[in-house]
Amino acid sequence: MPPPCEQEELVKIGKKLKKNNVAVDVVNFGAAEVNGERLEAFIEAVNSGDNSHLVSVPTGTILSDTLFGSPIYQQVCCARRPNH
C-alpha cells in the first residue's frame, strides 16, 4: 500500500525528523515498485550521516533473506554485541 501522502509531503516530514535528530529505517515490501521513488525521497530527506535506511524487498523474495544482508539488520546485530 502506498504511503497515504504525496512525495513532497514525505520529504517535508523527513526534513522535520532530520532537524530533530530522528533516524528512520524503512522496509518496503509487497509494493516495492509502487512505493520506491517516494520512500527513497523520504529517506534522502531524513538521512544524516547514514543513520537512516531503506530496504526494498522485491515481490517473490523472502523478506528475512533480504533483511539479513541489509544495513538495518547489521546495525541491530552490532548493537547487541558488547565489543562492537
C-alpha atoms as a PDB file:
ATOM      1  CA  MET A   1       0.000   0.000   0.000  1.00  0.00           C
ATOM      2  CA  PRO A   2       1.433   3.398  -0.923  1.00  0.00           C
ATOM      3  CA  PRO A   3       2.134   5.904   1.842  1.00  0.00           C
ATOM      4  CA  PRO A   4      -1.007   7.990   2.434  1.00  0.00           C
ATOM      5  CA  CYS A   5       0.627  11.241   1.304  1.00  0.00           C
ATOM      6  CA  GLU A   6       2.436  12.657  -1.693  1.00  0.00           C
ATOM      7  CA  GLN A   7       6.213  12.652  -2.125  1.00  0.00           C
ATOM      8  CA  GLU A   8       6.529  16.357  -1.353  1.00  0.00           C
ATOM      9  CA  GLU A   9       4.789  15.873   1.992  1.00  0.00           C
ATOM     10  CA  LEU A  10       7.020  12.894   2.846  1.00  0.00           C
ATOM     11  CA  VAL A  11      10.112  14.986   2.090  1.00  0.00           C
ATOM     12  CA  LYS A  12       8.821  17.767   4.327  1.00  0.00           C
ATOM     13  CA  ILE A  13       8.230  15.255   7.151  1.00  0.00           C
ATOM     14  CA  GLY A  14      11.684  13.775   6.576  1.00  0.00           C
ATOM     15  CA  LYS A  15      13.332  17.184   6.908  1.00  0.00           C
ATOM     16  CA  LYS A  16      11.496  17.847  10.173  1.00  0.00           C
ATOM     17  CA  LEU A  17      12.604  14.476  11.538  1.00  0.00           C
ATOM     18  CA  LYS A  18      16.196  15.176  10.494  1.00  0.00           C
ATOM     19  CA  LYS A  19      16.082  18.563  12.200  1.00  0.00           C
ATOM     20  CA  ASN A  20      15.054  16.775  15.412  1.00  0.00           C
ATOM     21  CA  ASN A  21      17.794  14.115  15.067  1.00  0.00           C
ATOM     22  CA  VAL A  22      15.383  11.269  14.371  1.00  0.00           C
ATOM     23  CA  ALA A  23      16.692   8.273  12.411  1.00  0.00           C
ATOM     24  CA  VAL A  24      14.314   6.156  10.341  1.00  0.00           C
ATOM     25  CA  ASP A  25      14.646   2.672   8.862  1.00  0.00           C
ATOM     26  CA  VAL A  26      12.002   1.651   6.319  1.00  0.00           C
ATOM     27  CA  VAL A  27      11.314  -1.812   4.940  1.00  0.00           C
ATOM     28  CA  ASN A  28       9.411  -1.558   1.674  1.00  0.00           C
ATOM     29  CA  PHE A  29       7.812  -4.850   0.696  1.00  0.00           C
ATOM     30  CA  GLY A  30       4.748  -6.018  -1.129  1.00  0.00           C
ATOM     31  CA  ALA A  31       4.576  -2.977  -3.405  1.00  0.00           C
ATOM     32  CA  ALA A  32       8.237  -2.022  -3.719  1.00  0.00           C
ATOM     33  CA  GLU A  33       7.827  -0.859  -7.319  1.00  0.00           C
ATOM     34  CA  VAL A  34       4.951   1.469  -6.408  1.00  0.00           C
ATOM     35  CA  ASN A  35       6.446   2.972  -3.249  1.00  0.00           C
ATOM     36  CA  GLY A  36      10.132   3.041  -4.143  1.00  0.00           C
ATOM     37  CA  GLU A  37      10.530   6.567  -5.501  1.00  0.00           C
ATOM     38  CA  ARG A  38       8.501   8.191  -2.711  1.00  0.00           C
ATOM     39  CA  LEU A  39      10.292   6.319   0.047  1.00  0.00           C
ATOM     40  CA  GLU A  40      13.723   6.998  -1.462  1.00  0.00           C
ATOM     41  CA  ALA A  41      12.966  10.731  -1.403  1.00  0.00           C
ATOM     42  CA  PHE A  42      11.804  10.447   2.213  1.00  0.00           C
ATOM     43  CA  ILE A  43      14.942   8.586   3.327  1.00  0.00           C
ATOM     44  CA  GLU A  44      17.141  11.054   1.450  1.00  0.00           C
ATOM     45  CA  ALA A  45      15.448  13.923   3.322  1.00  0.00           C
ATOM     46  CA  VAL A  46      15.703  12.332   6.784  1.00  0.00           C
ATOM     47  CA  ASN A  47      19.158  10.775   6.426  1.00  0.00           C
ATOM     48  CA  SER A  48      22.014  12.331   8.366  1.00  0.00           C
ATOM     49  CA  GLY A  49      25.385  10.619   8.373  1.00  0.00           C
ATOM     50  CA  ASP A  50      23.938   7.348   7.036  1.00  0.00           C
ATOM     51  CA  ASN A  51      21.659   6.925  10.063  1.00  0.00           C
ATOM     52  CA  SER A  52      18.512   6.106   8.069  1.00  0.00           C
ATOM     53  CA  HIS A  53      17.973   3.295   5.601  1.00  0.00           C
ATOM     54  CA  LEU A  54      15.527   1.997   3.031  1.00  0.00           C
ATOM     55  CA  VAL A  55      15.409  -1.686   2.204  1.00  0.00           C
ATOM     56  CA  SER A  56      13.172  -2.616  -0.721  1.00  0.00           C
ATOM     57  CA  VAL A  57      12.171  -6.258  -0.948  1.00  0.00           C
ATOM     58  CA  PRO A  58      11.145  -7.315  -4.451  1.00  0.00           C
ATOM     59  CA  THR A  59       7.960  -9.315  -4.896  1.00  0.00           C
ATOM     60  CA  GLY A  60       8.630 -13.027  -4.615  1.00  0.00           C
ATOM     61  CA  THR A  61      11.672 -12.571  -2.383  1.00  0.00           C
ATOM     62  CA  ILE A  62      11.817 -13.912   1.147  1.00  0.00           C
ATOM     63  CA  LEU A  63      11.697 -10.922   3.488  1.00  0.00           C
ATOM     64  CA  SER A  64      14.091 -12.336   6.088  1.00  0.00           C
ATOM     65  CA  ASP A  65      16.721 -13.198   3.459  1.00  0.00           C
ATOM     66  CA  THR A  66      16.762  -9.608   2.254  1.00  0.00           C
ATOM     67  CA  LEU A  67      16.814  -8.116   5.757  1.00  0.00           C
ATOM     68  CA  PHE A  68      19.695 -10.293   6.991  1.00  0.00           C
ATOM     69  CA  GLY A  69      22.004  -8.697   4.429  1.00  0.00           C
ATOM     70  CA  SER A  70      20.758  -5.144   4.944  1.00  0.00           C
ATOM     71  CA  PRO A  71      22.242  -2.242   6.928  1.00  0.00           C
ATOM     72  CA  ILE A  72      19.163  -2.373   9.184  1.00  0.00           C
ATOM     73  CA  TYR A  73      19.940  -5.893  10.363  1.00  0.00           C
ATOM     74  CA  GLN A  74      23.669  -5.208  10.589  1.00  0.00           C
ATOM     75  CA  GLN A  75      23.054  -2.299  12.970  1.00  0.00           C
ATOM     76  CA  VAL A  76      20.837  -4.424  15.214  1.00  0.00           C
ATOM     77  CA  CYS A  77      23.365  -7.264  15.348  1.00  0.00           C
ATOM     78  CA  CYS A  78      26.309  -4.969  16.067  1.00  0.00           C
ATOM     79  CA  ALA A  79      24.379  -3.062  18.723  1.00  0.00           C
ATOM     80  CA  ARG A  80      23.773  -6.310  20.608  1.00  0.00           C
ATOM     81  CA  ARG A  81      27.445  -7.266  20.659  1.00  0.00           C
ATOM     82  CA  PRO A  82      29.186  -5.709  23.667  1.00  0.00           C
ATOM     83  CA  ASN A  83      32.575  -5.244  21.971  1.00  0.00           C
ATOM     84  CA  HIS A  84      31.355  -3.638  18.730  1.00  0.00           C
END
